[in-house]
Amino acid sequence: MTGILVPDLFIAAGLNLVTQAIQIGAYAARVAGVTTGRIATAISLFSLVVTASRLANLVVTPALGGLADRPANAALAAGRTTLTPPALHIFDTQLRIIVGSGTVGIVVGAILMPVFIVLFVRGVRAFERVGSIPVALMRLLDPRVQLDLIREVRLPSWREARTLPFRAIPRRLLIGNLIIMTVYSIGVVSAYYASVLNLQARGTAIGLVNGIGTVAFSLFVDPTSAYIVDQTVRGERPTSHVHAMIVTLVVTAFIGTLLAQIILYPAAVYIAAASHLFVSSKH
């Protein structure tokens, strides 16, 4: 067990947990847009926070590199082209812990959703008063503001969630979020997994996956969720539809990270095979 729990693992898992929680919390900006009626400002804040959280997930990369380099270098020093079964088992366990930390991050983000909603509502109103995002964010350091936030916060209500009109949410949005979240959860992780399955094409394997999930979110999930918010602001949908959308996005994201555990190894094998073909074609 001591070979599994190394500093790089704690760093990668911790960062993944935080970034996933923030990404889920960013959806509270949709609710803030409906609550305040300032949809453009809310969408701007949403785009800022969610893009930052998705890109911040790349910070996990150096820690993953440390986890992969240690057994890879040992195997190369022994004249091997892949890891020994015990070393591969340890590395597999480490990567699954990192993916699992993302699942925990989604749960944390869901529990803190009321906190994020209050933050975004106040953020939208503060931005309108001061006209500056940095100045509005600095207000969070004010103890009086922090006390006000604590007073306004409440935990999510399961009873209220059960009454939401989930059938009003387009299935294509939920299926798209499920698939994209599954792939996004293991994108970089599976690339590093592939790098130890074929040590002769380590750099190629890592380079094959880079930001695909972020682009997919921007193309398929975010526009549809924004359109539902627009319809709500125009009075074409009730506010309950936005709340139902947020809950379903959180649930499908959670399920996606669980499915990611299943396809982690097959995805790594596929990437390793693709990188091997790419390297072989150069010779």
C-alpha atoms as a PDB file:
ATOM      1  CA  MET A   1       0.000   0.000   0.000  1.00  0.00           C
ATOM      2  CA  THR A   2       2.904   2.335   0.675  1.00  0.00           C
ATOM      3  CA  GLY A   3       3.922   1.981  -2.976  1.00  0.00           C
ATOM      4  CA  ILE A   4       0.509   3.275  -4.035  1.00  0.00           C
ATOM      5  CA  LEU A   5       0.128   6.256  -1.716  1.00  0.00           C
ATOM      6  CA  VAL A   6       2.777   8.700  -2.896  1.00  0.00           C
ATOM      7  CA  PRO A   7       2.770  12.546  -2.805  1.00  0.00           C
ATOM      8  CA  ASP A   8       2.008  12.890  -6.536  1.00  0.00           C
ATOM      9  CA  LEU A   9      -1.139  10.819  -6.044  1.00  0.00           C
ATOM     10  CA  PHE A  10      -2.460  13.072  -3.270  1.00  0.00           C
ATOM     11  CA  ILE A  11      -1.716  16.177  -5.335  1.00  0.00           C
ATOM     12  CA  ALA A  12      -3.429  14.849  -8.465  1.00  0.00           C
ATOM     13  CA  ALA A  13      -6.449  13.489  -6.599  1.00  0.00           C
ATOM     14  CA  GLY A  14      -6.864  16.672  -4.556  1.00  0.00           C
ATOM     15  CA  LEU A  15      -6.652  18.948  -7.585  1.00  0.00           C
ATOM     16  CA  ASN A  16      -9.082  16.783  -9.533  1.00  0.00           C
ATOM     17  CA  LEU A  17     -11.569  16.848  -6.651  1.00  0.00           C
ATOM     18  CA  VAL A  18     -11.445  20.633  -6.363  1.00  0.00           C
ATOM     19  CA  THR A  19     -11.703  21.342 -10.082  1.00  0.00           C
ATOM     20  CA  GLN A  20     -14.631  18.954 -10.523  1.00  0.00           C
ATOM     21  CA  ALA A  21     -16.450  20.517  -7.568  1.00  0.00           C
ATOM     22  CA  ILE A  22     -15.955  24.007  -9.016  1.00  0.00           C
ATOM     23  CA  GLN A  23     -17.085  22.874 -12.449  1.00  0.00           C
ATOM     24  CA  ILE A  24     -20.325  21.504 -11.002  1.00  0.00           C
ATOM     25  CA  GLY A  25     -20.792  24.611  -8.859  1.00  0.00           C
ATOM     26  CA  ALA A  26     -20.411  26.823 -11.931  1.00  0.00           C
ATOM     27  CA  TYR A  27     -23.816  25.637 -13.136  1.00  0.00           C
ATOM     28  CA  ALA A  28     -25.302  27.682 -10.325  1.00  0.00           C
ATOM     29  CA  ALA A  29     -24.682  30.696 -12.579  1.00  0.00           C
ATOM     30  CA  ARG A  30     -27.619  29.504 -14.690  1.00  0.00           C
ATOM     31  CA  VAL A  31     -29.884  29.787 -11.666  1.00  0.00           C
ATOM     32  CA  ALA A  32     -28.378  33.170 -10.817  1.00  0.00           C
ATOM     33  CA  GLY A  33     -29.184  34.423 -14.307  1.00  0.00           C
ATOM     34  CA  VAL A  34     -32.837  33.501 -13.885  1.00  0.00           C
ATOM     35  CA  THR A  35     -33.002  34.844 -10.314  1.00  0.00           C
ATOM     36  CA  THR A  36     -31.485  38.227 -11.133  1.00  0.00           C
ATOM     37  CA  GLY A  37     -32.784  38.539 -14.689  1.00  0.00           C
ATOM     38  CA  ARG A  38     -29.246  39.459 -15.773  1.00  0.00           C
ATOM     39  CA  ILE A  39     -28.698  36.530 -18.083  1.00  0.00           C
ATOM     40  CA  ALA A  40     -25.792  38.020 -20.059  1.00  0.00           C
ATOM     41  CA  THR A  41     -23.801  38.815 -16.925  1.00  0.00           C
ATOM     42  CA  ALA A  42     -24.540  35.396 -15.433  1.00  0.00           C
ATOM     43  CA  ILE A  43     -23.456  33.617 -18.609  1.00  0.00           C
ATOM     44  CA  SER A  44     -20.240  35.623 -18.641  1.00  0.00           C
ATOM     45  CA  LEU A  45     -19.501  34.576 -15.059  1.00  0.00           C
ATOM     46  CA  PHE A  46     -20.405  30.986 -15.886  1.00  0.00           C
ATOM     47  CA  SER A  47     -18.087  30.923 -18.893  1.00  0.00           C
ATOM     48  CA  LEU A  48     -15.273  32.434 -16.848  1.00  0.00           C
ATOM     49  CA  VAL A  49     -15.534  29.995 -13.953  1.00  0.00           C
ATOM     50  CA  VAL A  50     -16.270  26.806 -15.877  1.00  0.00           C
ATOM     51  CA  THR A  51     -13.566  27.414 -18.483  1.00  0.00           C
ATOM     52  CA  ALA A  52     -11.059  28.185 -15.730  1.00  0.00           C
ATOM     53  CA  SER A  53     -11.999  24.981 -13.874  1.00  0.00           C
ATOM     54  CA  ARG A  54     -11.737  22.831 -16.993  1.00  0.00           C
ATOM     55  CA  LEU A  55      -8.400  24.287 -17.944  1.00  0.00           C
ATOM     56  CA  ALA A  56      -7.224  24.084 -14.330  1.00  0.00           C
ATOM     57  CA  ASN A  57      -7.780  20.342 -14.579  1.00  0.00           C
ATOM     58  CA  LEU A  58      -4.674  20.322 -16.769  1.00  0.00           C
ATOM     59  CA  VAL A  59      -2.721  21.253 -13.628  1.00  0.00           C
ATOM     60  CA  VAL A  60      -3.180  17.594 -12.681  1.00  0.00           C
ATOM     61  CA  THR A  61      -0.881  16.717 -15.604  1.00  0.00           C
ATOM     62  CA  PRO A  62       2.483  17.289 -13.835  1.00  0.00           C
ATOM     63  CA  ALA A  63       1.426  15.071 -10.930  1.00  0.00           C
ATOM     64  CA  LEU A  64       0.276  12.395 -13.378  1.00  0.00           C
ATOM     65  CA  GLY A  65       3.612  12.730 -15.119  1.00  0.00           C
ATOM     66  CA  GLY A  66       5.396  12.020 -11.857  1.00  0.00           C
ATOM     67  CA  LEU A  67       3.286   8.920 -11.248  1.00  0.00           C
ATOM     68  CA  ALA A  68       3.930   7.621 -14.765  1.00  0.00           C
ATOM     69  CA  ASP A  69       7.625   8.471 -14.970  1.00  0.00           C
ATOM     70  CA  ARG A  70       8.618   6.588 -11.835  1.00  0.00           C
ATOM     71  CA  PRO A  71       7.592   3.064 -12.962  1.00  0.00           C
ATOM     72  CA  ALA A  72       8.333   3.823 -16.632  1.00  0.00           C
ATOM     73  CA  ASN A  73      11.929   4.809 -15.891  1.00  0.00           C
ATOM     74  CA  ALA A  74      12.382   1.730 -13.735  1.00  0.00           C
ATOM     75  CA  ALA A  75      11.111  -0.491 -16.548  1.00  0.00           C
ATOM     76  CA  LEU A  76      13.315   1.200 -19.150  1.00  0.00           C
ATOM     77  CA  ALA A  77      16.347   0.828 -16.889  1.00  0.00           C
ATOM     78  CA  ALA A  78      15.606  -2.909 -16.729  1.00  0.00           C
ATOM     79  CA  GLY A  79      15.388  -3.090 -20.543  1.00  0.00           C
ATOM     80  CA  ARG A  80      11.597  -3.562 -20.647  1.00  0.00           C
ATOM     81  CA  THR A  81       9.113  -2.046 -23.129  1.00  0.00           C
ATOM     82  CA  THR A  82       6.236  -2.167 -20.646  1.00  0.00           C
ATOM     83  CA  LEU A  83       5.702  -2.402 -16.896  1.00  0.00           C
ATOM     84  CA  THR A  84       5.769  -5.575 -14.861  1.00  0.00           C
ATOM     85  CA  PRO A  85       2.295  -6.816 -13.780  1.00  0.00           C
ATOM     86  CA  PRO A  86       2.778  -5.695 -10.118  1.00  0.00           C
ATOM     87  CA  ALA A  87       3.945  -2.213 -11.178  1.00  0.00           C
ATOM     88  CA  LEU A  88       1.071  -1.949 -13.666  1.00  0.00           C
ATOM     89  CA  HIS A  89      -1.408  -2.957 -10.959  1.00  0.00           C
ATOM     90  CA  ILE A  90      -0.125  -0.216  -8.646  1.00  0.00           C
ATOM     91  CA  PHE A  91      -0.301   2.374 -11.423  1.00  0.00           C
ATOM     92  CA  ASP A  92      -3.825   1.241 -12.376  1.00  0.00           C
ATOM     93  CA  THR A  93      -4.954   1.639  -8.768  1.00  0.00           C
ATOM     94  CA  GLN A  94      -3.441   5.119  -8.548  1.00  0.00           C
ATOM     95  CA  LEU A  95      -5.230   6.285 -11.690  1.00  0.00           C
ATOM     96  CA  ARG A  96      -8.532   4.876 -10.479  1.00  0.00           C
ATOM     97  CA  ILE A  97      -8.139   6.767  -7.209  1.00  0.00           C
ATOM     98  CA  ILE A  98      -7.634   9.969  -9.218  1.00  0.00           C
ATOM     99  CA  VAL A  99     -10.732   9.317 -11.340  1.00  0.00           C
ATOM    100  CA  GLY A 100     -12.638   8.465  -8.160  1.00  0.00           C
ATOM    101  CA  SER A 101     -11.618  11.780  -6.611  1.00  0.00           C
ATOM    102  CA  GLY A 102     -13.476  13.449  -9.480  1.00  0.00           C
ATOM    103  CA  THR A 103     -16.609  11.534  -8.486  1.00  0.00           C
ATOM    104  CA  VAL A 104     -16.205  12.786  -4.925  1.00  0.00           C
ATOM    105  CA  GLY A 105     -15.699  16.305  -6.277  1.00  0.00           C
ATOM    106  CA  ILE A 106     -19.040  16.138  -8.082  1.00  0.00           C
ATOM    107  CA  VAL A 107     -20.766  15.097  -4.852  1.00  0.00           C
ATOM    108  CA  VAL A 108     -19.080  17.973  -2.993  1.00  0.00           C
ATOM    109  CA  GLY A 109     -20.129  20.412  -5.717  1.00  0.00           C
ATOM    110  CA  ALA A 110     -23.719  19.138  -5.536  1.00  0.00           C
ATOM    111  CA  ILE A 111     -23.851  19.512  -1.740  1.00  0.00           C
ATOM    112  CA  LEU A 112     -22.440  23.032  -2.003  1.00  0.00           C
ATOM    113  CA  MET A 113     -24.774  24.027  -4.855  1.00  0.00           C
ATOM    114  CA  PRO A 114     -26.833  26.380  -2.623  1.00  0.00           C
ATOM    115  CA  VAL A 115     -23.570  28.076  -1.641  1.00  0.00           C
ATOM    116  CA  PHE A 116     -22.600  28.527  -5.280  1.00  0.00           C
ATOM    117  CA  ILE A 117     -26.057  29.889  -6.134  1.00  0.00           C
ATOM    118  CA  VAL A 118     -25.779  32.539  -3.421  1.00  0.00           C
ATOM    119  CA  LEU A 119     -22.242  33.384  -4.549  1.00  0.00           C
ATOM    120  CA  PHE A 120     -23.259  33.823  -8.180  1.00  0.00           C
ATOM    121  CA  VAL A 121     -26.368  35.854  -7.364  1.00  0.00           C
ATOM    122  CA  ARG A 122     -24.359  38.194  -5.196  1.00  0.00           C
ATOM    123  CA  GLY A 123     -21.563  38.190  -7.773  1.00  0.00           C
ATOM    124  CA  VAL A 124     -23.920  39.313 -10.542  1.00  0.00           C
ATOM    125  CA  ARG A 125     -25.308  42.122  -8.405  1.00  0.00           C
ATOM    126  CA  ALA A 126     -21.857  43.170  -7.200  1.00  0.00           C
ATOM    127  CA  PHE A 127     -20.584  43.288 -10.782  1.00  0.00           C
ATOM    128  CA  GLU A 128     -23.468  45.557 -11.756  1.00  0.00           C
ATOM    129  CA  ARG A 129     -22.556  47.938  -8.940  1.00  0.00           C
ATOM    130  CA  VAL A 130     -18.772  48.069  -9.399  1.00  0.00           C
ATOM    131  CA  GLY A 131     -18.441  47.098 -13.070  1.00  0.00           C
ATOM    132  CA  SER A 132     -15.374  44.927 -12.449  1.00  0.00           C
ATOM    133  CA  ILE A 133     -15.078  41.162 -11.974  1.00  0.00           C
ATOM    134  CA  PRO A 134     -11.833  41.354  -9.908  1.00  0.00           C
ATOM    135  CA  VAL A 135     -13.338  43.999  -7.587  1.00  0.00           C
ATOM    136  CA  ALA A 136     -16.515  41.939  -7.205  1.00  0.00           C
ATOM    137  CA  LEU A 137     -14.453  38.862  -6.329  1.00  0.00           C
ATOM    138  CA  MET A 138     -12.407  40.824  -3.794  1.00  0.00           C
ATOM    139  CA  ARG A 139     -15.609  41.551  -1.893  1.00  0.00           C
ATOM    140  CA  LEU A 140     -15.659  37.892  -0.887  1.00  0.00           C
ATOM    141  CA  LEU A 141     -12.738  38.654   1.430  1.00  0.00           C
ATOM    142  CA  ASP A 142     -14.921  41.038   3.429  1.00  0.00           C
ATOM    143  CA  PRO A 143     -15.888  39.305   6.730  1.00  0.00           C
ATOM    144  CA  ARG A 144     -19.332  40.938   6.602  1.00  0.00           C
ATOM    145  CA  VAL A 145     -19.979  39.448   3.175  1.00  0.00           C
ATOM    146  CA  GLN A 146     -18.796  36.050   4.387  1.00  0.00           C
ATOM    147  CA  LEU A 147     -21.196  36.190   7.353  1.00  0.00           C
ATOM    148  CA  ASP A 148     -24.067  37.146   5.057  1.00  0.00           C
ATOM    149  CA  LEU A 149     -23.255  34.182   2.826  1.00  0.00           C
ATOM    150  CA  ILE A 150     -23.244  31.790   5.791  1.00  0.00           C
ATOM    151  CA  ARG A 151     -26.678  33.062   6.883  1.00  0.00           C
ATOM    152  CA  GLU A 152     -28.154  32.576   3.409  1.00  0.00           C
ATOM    153  CA  VAL A 153     -26.793  29.095   2.787  1.00  0.00           C
ATOM    154  CA  ARG A 154     -28.858  25.940   3.230  1.00  0.00           C
ATOM    155  CA  LEU A 155     -28.270  22.329   2.250  1.00  0.00           C
ATOM    156  CA  PRO A 156     -29.961  20.867  -0.840  1.00  0.00           C
ATOM    157  CA  SER A 157     -33.407  19.410  -0.223  1.00  0.00           C
ATOM    158  CA  TRP A 158     -33.995  15.899  -1.593  1.00  0.00           C
ATOM    159  CA  ARG A 159     -37.751  16.348  -1.073  1.00  0.00           C
ATOM    160  CA  GLU A 160     -37.797  19.450  -3.276  1.00  0.00           C
ATOM    161  CA  ALA A 161     -35.611  17.800  -5.906  1.00  0.00           C
ATOM    162  CA  ARG A 162     -38.065  14.908  -6.305  1.00  0.00           C
ATOM    163  CA  THR A 163     -40.841  17.295  -7.352  1.00  0.00           C
ATOM    164  CA  LEU A 164     -38.874  18.898 -10.205  1.00  0.00           C
ATOM    165  CA  PRO A 165     -40.086  18.386 -13.822  1.00  0.00           C
ATOM    166  CA  PHE A 166     -37.194  16.257 -15.091  1.00  0.00           C
ATOM    167  CA  ARG A 167     -39.118  15.129 -18.176  1.00  0.00           C
ATOM    168  CA  ALA A 168     -38.993  18.690 -19.500  1.00  0.00           C
ATOM    169  CA  ILE A 169     -35.213  18.460 -19.982  1.00  0.00           C
ATOM    170  CA  PRO A 170     -34.111  17.314 -23.475  1.00  0.00           C
ATOM    171  CA  ARG A 171     -32.729  13.783 -23.440  1.00  0.00           C
ATOM    172  CA  ARG A 172     -30.015  14.732 -25.926  1.00  0.00           C
ATOM    173  CA  LEU A 173     -28.617  17.160 -23.323  1.00  0.00           C
ATOM    174  CA  LEU A 174     -28.469  14.475 -20.646  1.00  0.00           C
ATOM    175  CA  ILE A 175     -27.044  11.795 -22.950  1.00  0.00           C
ATOM    176  CA  GLY A 176     -24.504  14.264 -24.320  1.00  0.00           C
ATOM    177  CA  ASN A 177     -23.420  15.333 -20.839  1.00  0.00           C
ATOM    178  CA  LEU A 178     -23.157  11.693 -19.750  1.00  0.00           C
ATOM    179  CA  ILE A 179     -20.976  10.686 -22.703  1.00  0.00           C
ATOM    180  CA  ILE A 180     -18.795  13.795 -22.656  1.00  0.00           C
ATOM    181  CA  MET A 181     -18.302  13.617 -18.890  1.00  0.00           C
ATOM    182  CA  THR A 182     -17.316   9.950 -19.164  1.00  0.00           C
ATOM    183  CA  VAL A 183     -14.656  10.752 -21.753  1.00  0.00           C
ATOM    184  CA  TYR A 184     -13.588  14.002 -20.068  1.00  0.00           C
ATOM    185  CA  SER A 185     -13.012  12.244 -16.740  1.00  0.00           C
ATOM    186  CA  ILE A 186     -10.373   9.926 -18.185  1.00  0.00           C
ATOM    187  CA  GLY A 187      -9.020  11.909 -21.143  1.00  0.00           C
ATOM    188  CA  VAL A 188      -5.616  12.854 -19.775  1.00  0.00           C
ATOM    189  CA  VAL A 189      -5.584   9.973 -17.292  1.00  0.00           C
ATOM    190  CA  SER A 190      -6.031   7.315 -20.000  1.00  0.00           C
ATOM    191  CA  ALA A 191      -3.298   8.961 -22.085  1.00  0.00           C
ATOM    192  CA  TYR A 192      -0.821   8.567 -19.227  1.00  0.00           C
ATOM    193  CA  TYR A 193      -2.058   5.018 -18.701  1.00  0.00           C
ATOM    194  CA  ALA A 194      -1.320   4.344 -22.371  1.00  0.00           C
ATOM    195  CA  SER A 195       2.148   5.851 -21.975  1.00  0.00           C
ATOM    196  CA  VAL A 196       3.169   3.018 -19.625  1.00  0.00           C
ATOM    197  CA  LEU A 197       1.555   0.321 -21.768  1.00  0.00           C
ATOM    198  CA  ASN A 198       3.880   1.226 -24.638  1.00  0.00           C
ATOM    199  CA  LEU A 199       7.035   2.880 -23.347  1.00  0.00           C
ATOM    200  CA  GLN A 200       8.431   3.296 -26.854  1.00  0.00           C
ATOM    201  CA  ALA A 201       5.637   5.743 -27.733  1.00  0.00           C
ATOM    202  CA  ARG A 202       5.174   7.551 -24.413  1.00  0.00           C
ATOM    203  CA  GLY A 203       5.224  11.083 -25.802  1.00  0.00           C
ATOM    204  CA  THR A 204       2.895  10.242 -28.658  1.00  0.00           C
ATOM    205  CA  ALA A 205       0.335   8.642 -26.340  1.00  0.00           C
ATOM    206  CA  ILE A 206       0.208  11.701 -24.085  1.00  0.00           C
ATOM    207  CA  GLY A 207      -0.054  14.070 -27.040  1.00  0.00           C
ATOM    208  CA  LEU A 208      -3.043  12.284 -28.593  1.00  0.00           C
ATOM    209  CA  VAL A 209      -5.435  13.592 -25.931  1.00  0.00           C
ATOM    210  CA  ASN A 210      -5.489  17.299 -25.175  1.00  0.00           C
ATOM    211  CA  GLY A 211      -8.559  19.398 -24.390  1.00  0.00           C
ATOM    212  CA  ILE A 212     -11.094  17.327 -26.358  1.00  0.00           C
ATOM    213  CA  GLY A 213     -13.541  17.273 -23.443  1.00  0.00           C
ATOM    214  CA  THR A 214     -13.432  21.051 -22.987  1.00  0.00           C
ATOM    215  CA  VAL A 215     -14.255  21.611 -26.664  1.00  0.00           C
ATOM    216  CA  ALA A 216     -17.065  19.038 -26.562  1.00  0.00           C
ATOM    217  CA  PHE A 217     -18.679  20.742 -23.557  1.00  0.00           C
ATOM    218  CA  SER A 218     -18.561  24.090 -25.345  1.00  0.00           C
ATOM    219  CA  LEU A 219     -20.134  22.650 -28.495  1.00  0.00           C
ATOM    220  CA  PHE A 220     -22.841  20.321 -27.190  1.00  0.00           C
ATOM    221  CA  VAL A 221     -23.705  20.871 -23.507  1.00  0.00           C
ATOM    222  CA  ASP A 222     -23.237  24.540 -22.653  1.00  0.00           C
ATOM    223  CA  PRO A 223     -25.260  26.010 -25.591  1.00  0.00           C
ATOM    224  CA  THR A 224     -28.288  23.797 -24.895  1.00  0.00           C
ATOM    225  CA  SER A 225     -28.295  24.578 -21.180  1.00  0.00           C
ATOM    226  CA  ALA A 226     -27.932  28.292 -21.960  1.00  0.00           C
ATOM    227  CA  TYR A 227     -30.902  28.098 -24.358  1.00  0.00           C
ATOM    228  CA  ILE A 228     -33.093  26.597 -21.617  1.00  0.00           C
ATOM    229  CA  VAL A 229     -32.126  29.498 -19.355  1.00  0.00           C
ATOM    230  CA  ASP A 230     -32.952  31.981 -22.138  1.00  0.00           C
ATOM    231  CA  GLN A 231     -36.389  30.417 -22.563  1.00  0.00           C
ATOM    232  CA  THR A 232     -36.977  30.678 -18.819  1.00  0.00           C
ATOM    233  CA  VAL A 233     -36.038  34.360 -18.713  1.00  0.00           C
ATOM    234  CA  ARG A 234     -38.413  35.030 -21.631  1.00  0.00           C
ATOM    235  CA  GLY A 235     -41.231  33.332 -19.718  1.00  0.00           C
ATOM    236  CA  GLU A 236     -41.447  30.337 -22.066  1.00  0.00           C
ATOM    237  CA  ARG A 237     -40.413  27.918 -19.329  1.00  0.00           C
ATOM    238  CA  PRO A 238     -40.958  27.929 -15.548  1.00  0.00           C
ATOM    239  CA  THR A 239     -37.989  28.431 -13.242  1.00  0.00           C
ATOM    240  CA  SER A 240     -38.345  24.834 -12.070  1.00  0.00           C
ATOM    241  CA  HIS A 241     -37.030  23.693 -15.461  1.00  0.00           C
ATOM    242  CA  VAL A 242     -33.676  25.342 -14.790  1.00  0.00           C
ATOM    243  CA  HIS A 243     -33.434  23.685 -11.377  1.00  0.00           C
ATOM    244  CA  ALA A 244     -34.342  20.327 -12.940  1.00  0.00           C
ATOM    245  CA  MET A 245     -31.684  20.854 -15.596  1.00  0.00           C
ATOM    246  CA  ILE A 246     -29.007  21.529 -12.976  1.00  0.00           C
ATOM    247  CA  VAL A 247     -29.921  18.402 -11.013  1.00  0.00           C
ATOM    248  CA  THR A 248     -29.876  16.207 -14.117  1.00  0.00           C
ATOM    249  CA  LEU A 249     -26.541  17.626 -15.260  1.00  0.00           C
ATOM    250  CA  VAL A 250     -25.059  16.827 -11.846  1.00  0.00           C
ATOM    251  CA  VAL A 251     -26.512  13.296 -11.827  1.00  0.00           C
ATOM    252  CA  THR A 252     -25.339  12.483 -15.356  1.00  0.00           C
ATOM    253  CA  ALA A 253     -21.898  13.901 -14.564  1.00  0.00           C
ATOM    254  CA  PHE A 254     -21.737  11.653 -11.488  1.00  0.00           C
ATOM    255  CA  ILE A 255     -22.755   8.582 -13.494  1.00  0.00           C
ATOM    256  CA  GLY A 256     -20.259   9.563 -16.179  1.00  0.00           C
ATOM    257  CA  THR A 257     -17.365   9.426 -13.736  1.00  0.00           C
ATOM    258  CA  LEU A 258     -18.486   5.956 -12.626  1.00  0.00           C
ATOM    259  CA  LEU A 259     -18.629   4.745 -16.229  1.00  0.00           C
ATOM    260  CA  ALA A 260     -15.175   6.262 -16.706  1.00  0.00           C
ATOM    261  CA  GLN A 261     -13.786   3.621 -14.349  1.00  0.00           C
ATOM    262  CA  ILE A 262     -15.074   0.927 -16.707  1.00  0.00           C
ATOM    263  CA  ILE A 263     -13.596   2.338 -19.905  1.00  0.00           C
ATOM    264  CA  LEU A 264     -10.314   3.582 -18.397  1.00  0.00           C
ATOM    265  CA  TYR A 265      -8.254   0.516 -19.321  1.00  0.00           C
ATOM    266  CA  PRO A 266      -9.862  -0.090 -22.757  1.00  0.00           C
ATOM    267  CA  ALA A 267      -9.316   3.592 -23.612  1.00  0.00           C
ATOM    268  CA  ALA A 268      -5.666   3.318 -22.571  1.00  0.00           C
ATOM    269  CA  VAL A 269      -5.194   0.225 -24.730  1.00  0.00           C
ATOM    270  CA  TYR A 270      -6.778   2.022 -27.699  1.00  0.00           C
ATOM    271  CA  ILE A 271      -4.560   5.082 -27.261  1.00  0.00           C
ATOM    272  CA  ALA A 272      -1.473   2.902 -26.841  1.00  0.00           C
ATOM    273  CA  ALA A 273      -2.307   1.029 -30.051  1.00  0.00           C
ATOM    274  CA  ALA A 274      -2.944   4.267 -31.940  1.00  0.00           C
ATOM    275  CA  SER A 275       0.306   5.787 -30.717  1.00  0.00           C
ATOM    276  CA  HIS A 276       2.202   2.624 -31.686  1.00  0.00           C
ATOM    277  CA  LEU A 277       0.808   2.819 -35.228  1.00  0.00           C
ATOM    278  CA  PHE A 278       1.703   6.492 -35.415  1.00  0.00           C
ATOM    279  CA  VAL A 279       5.289   5.832 -34.316  1.00  0.00           C
ATOM    280  CA  SER A 280       5.627   2.795 -36.608  1.00  0.00           C
ATOM    281  CA  SER A 281       4.496   4.814 -39.630  1.00  0.00           C
ATOM    282  CA  LYS A 282       7.415   7.199 -39.080  1.00  0.00           C
ATOM    283  CA  HIS A 283       9.973   4.443 -39.576  1.00  0.00           C
END
